[in-house]
Amino acid sequence: MALPLNKRYEIVFLHEHEADPKWGYEKIASHIHCSQSCKTTKAQDERIVKLAMKKHDITAAEIQQKLDKQGVEISKTTIRRRLGESGGKFIKEISKPLLSEGHMVKRLQWAKKHKKFDWKRVIFTDENTFQLFQSNRKIWQFAGRRKVFCMVKHPQKVHVWGCFSAQGFGKLICFEQNLNAIFMCNIYEKGLLPSACEFFGEDSINWILQEDNDPKHRSKSYRKCLATSKN
């Protein structure tokens, strides 16, 4: 978008005239408030943001190509700046395990059932698997409209077990082997019980262990081992 004539005269005066302060172009642009907004119209800015929100993994270069086909010439730098000014962040996409309709219903039922439960004596535990070589793809994210990329839950692989309660974070245990019921008991002896002692005292058994529905947590050998360890 072309600058108004009065803005052009003001730039010339501030930069070149004998009586002017000899400012640089960056300071002049900031002073007259035209450094970035003068390059695009409001309608073009809205179009840029709409394109970024519509497609999951669109880039500034792809937005530039789409606008160029419509006869609008805007640089990739300006496009990135407009998206940033609109609250967009170019970050790694959010990975989320796939959930079935049944999973969603059960999770909601469980949350409603335990809405008024006292969680201060509860220790939460979980295991997770982290990728050694993650995708570095980045996408534009906007507040209130988060884009989520669905993926398999357990890729290649470094395993971590951890726990926490209302009193704080417990120990972290890192391991490489596949997790089964027996090895889970070993982890609990090294991680869960020392953490419970830190949270509730050395001799306290007045605490509740909250786990997910992993089959390992429901096996007879695991339950027997856990009961023995806690007592």
Protein backbone atom coordinates (compact mmCIF):
# COMPACT_ATOMS: atom_id res chain seq x y z
CA MET A 1 0.00 0.00 0.00
CA ALA A 2 1.45 3.39 -1.05
CA LEU A 3 2.24 6.02 1.59
CA PRO A 4 0.20 9.25 1.68
CA LEU A 5 2.00 12.28 0.27
CA ASN A 6 2.29 13.99 3.66
CA LYS A 7 4.01 10.92 5.11
CA ARG A 8 6.54 10.95 2.29
CA TYR A 9 7.38 14.61 2.92
CA GLU A 10 7.75 13.91 6.64
CA ILE A 11 10.20 11.08 5.96
CA VAL A 12 12.28 13.24 3.64
CA PHE A 13 12.37 16.06 6.18
CA LEU A 14 13.40 13.88 9.10
CA HIS A 15 16.12 12.11 7.13
CA GLU A 16 17.53 14.59 4.58
CA HIS A 17 16.58 18.19 5.31
CA GLU A 18 19.28 20.55 6.63
CA ALA A 19 17.29 21.38 9.76
CA ASP A 20 16.09 17.87 10.49
CA PRO A 21 17.49 15.61 13.29
CA LYS A 22 19.11 13.22 10.74
CA TRP A 23 17.18 10.19 11.96
CA GLY A 24 17.60 6.71 10.49
CA TYR A 25 14.74 5.07 8.61
CA GLU A 26 13.87 2.67 11.46
CA LYS A 27 13.44 5.50 13.96
CA ILE A 28 11.49 7.56 11.44
CA ALA A 29 9.15 4.66 10.71
CA SER A 30 8.51 4.17 14.42
CA HIS A 31 7.90 7.90 14.90
CA ILE A 32 5.27 8.19 12.17
CA HIS A 33 3.73 4.75 12.93
CA CYS A 34 4.02 3.28 9.47
CA SER A 35 6.86 0.78 9.75
CA GLN A 36 4.73 -2.35 9.34
CA SER A 37 1.05 -1.46 9.00
CA CYS A 38 1.65 0.52 5.81
CA LYS A 39 2.58 -2.63 3.87
CA THR A 40 -0.82 -4.34 4.13
CA THR A 41 -4.45 -3.35 4.44
CA LYS A 42 -6.73 -4.51 7.23
CA ALA A 43 -8.51 -6.85 4.80
CA GLN A 44 -5.18 -8.38 3.76
CA ASP A 45 -4.17 -8.86 7.41
CA GLU A 46 -7.45 -10.67 8.09
CA ARG A 47 -6.93 -12.85 5.02
CA ILE A 48 -3.42 -13.83 6.19
CA VAL A 49 -4.69 -14.87 9.64
CA LYS A 50 -7.66 -16.75 8.15
CA LEU A 51 -5.36 -18.80 5.91
CA ALA A 52 -3.09 -19.67 8.85
CA MET A 53 -6.02 -20.80 10.99
CA LYS A 54 -7.71 -22.80 8.24
CA LYS A 55 -4.87 -25.12 7.21
CA HIS A 56 -3.09 -27.24 9.84
CA ASP A 57 0.55 -26.91 8.75
CA ILE A 58 0.59 -23.95 6.37
CA THR A 59 3.78 -21.87 6.18
CA ALA A 60 4.42 -18.20 5.47
CA ALA A 61 5.74 -19.16 2.02
CA GLU A 62 2.51 -21.02 1.18
CA ILE A 63 0.41 -18.08 2.36
CA GLN A 64 2.54 -15.81 0.17
CA GLN A 65 1.88 -18.04 -2.85
CA LYS A 66 -1.87 -18.03 -2.26
CA LEU A 67 -1.96 -14.25 -1.94
CA ASP A 68 0.25 -13.85 -5.01
CA LYS A 69 -2.31 -15.79 -7.08
CA GLN A 70 -4.87 -13.22 -5.94
CA GLY A 71 -2.65 -10.38 -7.12
CA VAL A 72 -1.42 -9.39 -3.66
CA GLU A 73 2.36 -9.05 -3.29
CA ILE A 74 3.48 -9.41 0.34
CA SER A 75 6.82 -10.68 1.63
CA LYS A 76 7.14 -13.74 3.87
CA THR A 77 8.62 -11.50 6.58
CA THR A 78 5.54 -9.28 6.58
CA ILE A 79 3.24 -12.33 6.70
CA ARG A 80 5.09 -13.73 9.74
CA ARG A 81 4.90 -10.32 11.39
CA ARG A 82 1.15 -10.03 10.82
CA LEU A 83 0.55 -13.49 12.26
CA GLY A 84 2.64 -12.61 15.31
CA GLU A 85 0.76 -9.35 15.79
CA SER A 86 -2.51 -11.35 15.73
CA GLY A 87 -1.34 -13.60 18.57
CA GLY A 88 0.04 -16.43 16.43
CA LYS A 89 3.07 -18.45 17.50
CA PHE A 90 5.12 -20.60 15.13
CA ILE A 91 5.82 -23.59 17.40
CA LYS A 92 6.02 -27.37 17.30
CA GLU A 93 2.65 -28.98 16.78
CA ILE A 94 0.88 -30.52 19.77
CA SER A 95 0.86 -34.32 19.78
CA LYS A 96 -2.17 -36.04 21.25
CA PRO A 97 -2.94 -39.79 21.53
CA LEU A 98 -5.98 -40.95 19.63
CA LEU A 99 -9.08 -41.46 21.84
CA SER A 100 -12.16 -43.45 20.95
CA GLU A 101 -15.68 -42.31 21.73
CA GLY A 102 -15.79 -44.90 24.54
CA HIS A 103 -12.62 -43.50 26.12
CA MET A 104 -14.09 -40.00 26.15
CA VAL A 105 -17.36 -41.15 27.78
CA LYS A 106 -15.57 -43.13 30.51
CA ARG A 107 -13.19 -40.27 31.31
CA LEU A 108 -16.08 -37.83 31.66
CA GLN A 109 -18.03 -40.24 33.91
CA TRP A 110 -14.99 -40.79 36.13
CA ALA A 111 -14.36 -37.03 36.44
CA LYS A 112 -17.97 -36.34 37.45
CA LYS A 113 -17.95 -39.18 40.00
CA HIS A 114 -14.81 -37.85 41.72
CA LYS A 115 -15.61 -34.15 41.44
CA LYS A 116 -15.79 -33.62 45.24
CA PHE A 117 -13.14 -36.14 46.21
CA ASP A 118 -10.37 -35.05 48.63
CA TRP A 119 -7.16 -35.44 46.64
CA LYS A 120 -4.68 -34.28 49.28
CA ARG A 121 -3.75 -37.86 50.30
CA VAL A 122 -3.46 -39.14 46.74
CA ILE A 123 -0.24 -39.91 44.84
CA PHE A 124 -0.57 -39.83 41.07
CA THR A 125 1.80 -41.94 38.97
CA ASP A 126 2.26 -42.38 35.27
CA GLU A 127 4.75 -43.61 32.71
CA ASN A 128 5.48 -42.03 29.38
CA THR A 129 7.60 -42.70 26.33
CA PHE A 130 9.54 -39.89 24.68
CA GLN A 131 10.84 -39.84 21.14
CA LEU A 132 14.58 -39.72 20.59
CA PHE A 133 14.09 -38.19 17.12
CA GLN A 134 11.04 -35.97 17.11
CA SER A 135 9.58 -34.18 14.13
CA ASN A 136 10.70 -30.56 14.02
CA ARG A 137 7.69 -29.44 11.99
CA LYS A 138 6.24 -26.18 13.25
CA ILE A 139 2.79 -24.70 12.79
CA TRP A 140 0.99 -21.43 13.53
CA GLN A 141 -0.97 -21.62 16.79
CA PHE A 142 -3.56 -19.07 17.94
CA ALA A 143 -5.14 -18.63 21.37
CA GLY A 144 -8.53 -20.30 21.58
CA ARG A 145 -8.01 -22.29 18.35
CA ARG A 146 -5.27 -24.82 19.05
CA LYS A 147 -4.29 -27.21 16.27
CA VAL A 148 -3.62 -30.78 17.43
CA PHE A 149 -1.76 -33.48 15.50
CA CYS A 150 -2.94 -37.03 16.34
CA MET A 151 -0.20 -39.65 16.58
CA VAL A 152 0.58 -43.11 17.95
CA LYS A 153 1.14 -42.90 21.71
CA HIS A 154 4.37 -44.91 22.01
CA PRO A 155 7.01 -44.07 19.37
CA GLN A 156 10.75 -44.82 19.69
CA LYS A 157 11.65 -44.48 22.86
CA VAL A 158 13.01 -43.49 26.18
CA HIS A 159 10.77 -44.45 29.12
CA VAL A 160 10.17 -42.33 32.21
CA TRP A 161 8.12 -43.06 35.34
CA GLY A 162 7.15 -40.27 37.74
CA CYS A 163 4.77 -39.35 40.55
CA PHE A 164 3.38 -36.31 42.34
CA SER A 165 0.87 -35.32 45.00
CA ALA A 166 -0.54 -32.12 46.51
CA GLN A 167 2.73 -31.94 48.49
CA GLY A 168 4.87 -31.72 45.36
CA PHE A 169 6.79 -33.80 42.84
CA GLY A 170 8.26 -37.20 43.63
CA LYS A 171 11.11 -39.15 42.07
CA LEU A 172 11.69 -39.76 38.36
CA ILE A 173 12.83 -43.18 37.17
CA CYS A 174 14.27 -43.55 33.65
CA PHE A 175 14.56 -46.96 32.02
CA GLU A 176 14.95 -48.62 28.61
CA GLN A 177 13.44 -52.09 28.96
CA ASN A 178 9.81 -52.91 28.30
CA LEU A 179 7.64 -52.40 31.36
CA ASN A 180 5.82 -55.38 32.90
CA ALA A 181 4.18 -56.03 36.28
CA ILE A 182 7.34 -57.31 37.99
CA PHE A 183 9.51 -54.47 36.78
CA MET A 184 6.77 -52.00 37.80
CA CYS A 185 7.07 -53.28 41.37
CA ASN A 186 10.82 -52.64 41.26
CA ILE A 187 10.19 -49.10 40.10
CA TYR A 188 7.69 -48.55 42.91
CA GLU A 189 10.21 -49.75 45.51
CA LYS A 190 12.79 -47.29 44.17
CA GLY A 191 10.47 -44.41 43.31
CA LEU A 192 6.96 -44.59 44.78
CA LEU A 193 7.69 -45.64 48.38
CA PRO A 194 10.54 -43.11 48.93
CA SER A 195 8.31 -40.39 47.50
CA ALA A 196 5.41 -41.41 49.76
CA CYS A 197 7.73 -41.19 52.77
CA GLU A 198 8.74 -37.66 51.75
CA PHE A 199 5.10 -36.63 51.22
CA PHE A 200 3.40 -38.21 54.26
CA GLY A 201 6.13 -39.37 56.67
CA GLU A 202 8.20 -42.52 57.12
CA ASP A 203 5.56 -44.75 58.72
CA SER A 204 2.40 -43.38 57.11
CA ILE A 205 0.16 -45.69 55.12
CA ASN A 206 -2.69 -43.18 54.99
CA TRP A 207 -2.34 -42.40 51.32
CA ILE A 208 -4.00 -43.55 48.09
CA LEU A 209 -2.27 -44.56 44.88
CA GLN A 210 -3.98 -43.31 41.72
CA GLU A 211 -3.06 -45.17 38.52
CA ASP A 212 -4.49 -45.47 35.04
CA ASN A 213 -6.13 -48.62 33.62
CA ASP A 214 -3.00 -50.10 32.11
CA PRO A 215 -3.30 -53.96 32.18
CA LYS A 216 -0.06 -54.15 34.22
CA HIS A 217 -1.79 -52.34 37.06
CA ARG A 218 -4.58 -54.93 37.18
CA SER A 219 -2.51 -58.11 37.12
CA LYS A 220 -2.55 -60.42 40.18
CA SER A 221 1.24 -60.48 40.52
CA TYR A 222 1.39 -56.69 40.49
CA ARG A 223 -1.41 -56.29 43.06
CA LYS A 224 0.20 -58.80 45.38
CA CYS A 225 3.57 -57.11 45.08
CA LEU A 226 2.06 -53.68 45.67
CA ALA A 227 0.16 -54.77 48.78
CA THR A 228 3.34 -56.31 50.23
CA SER A 229 5.41 -53.19 49.52
CA LYS A 230 2.90 -50.79 51.09
CA ASN A 231 2.57 -52.88 54.24
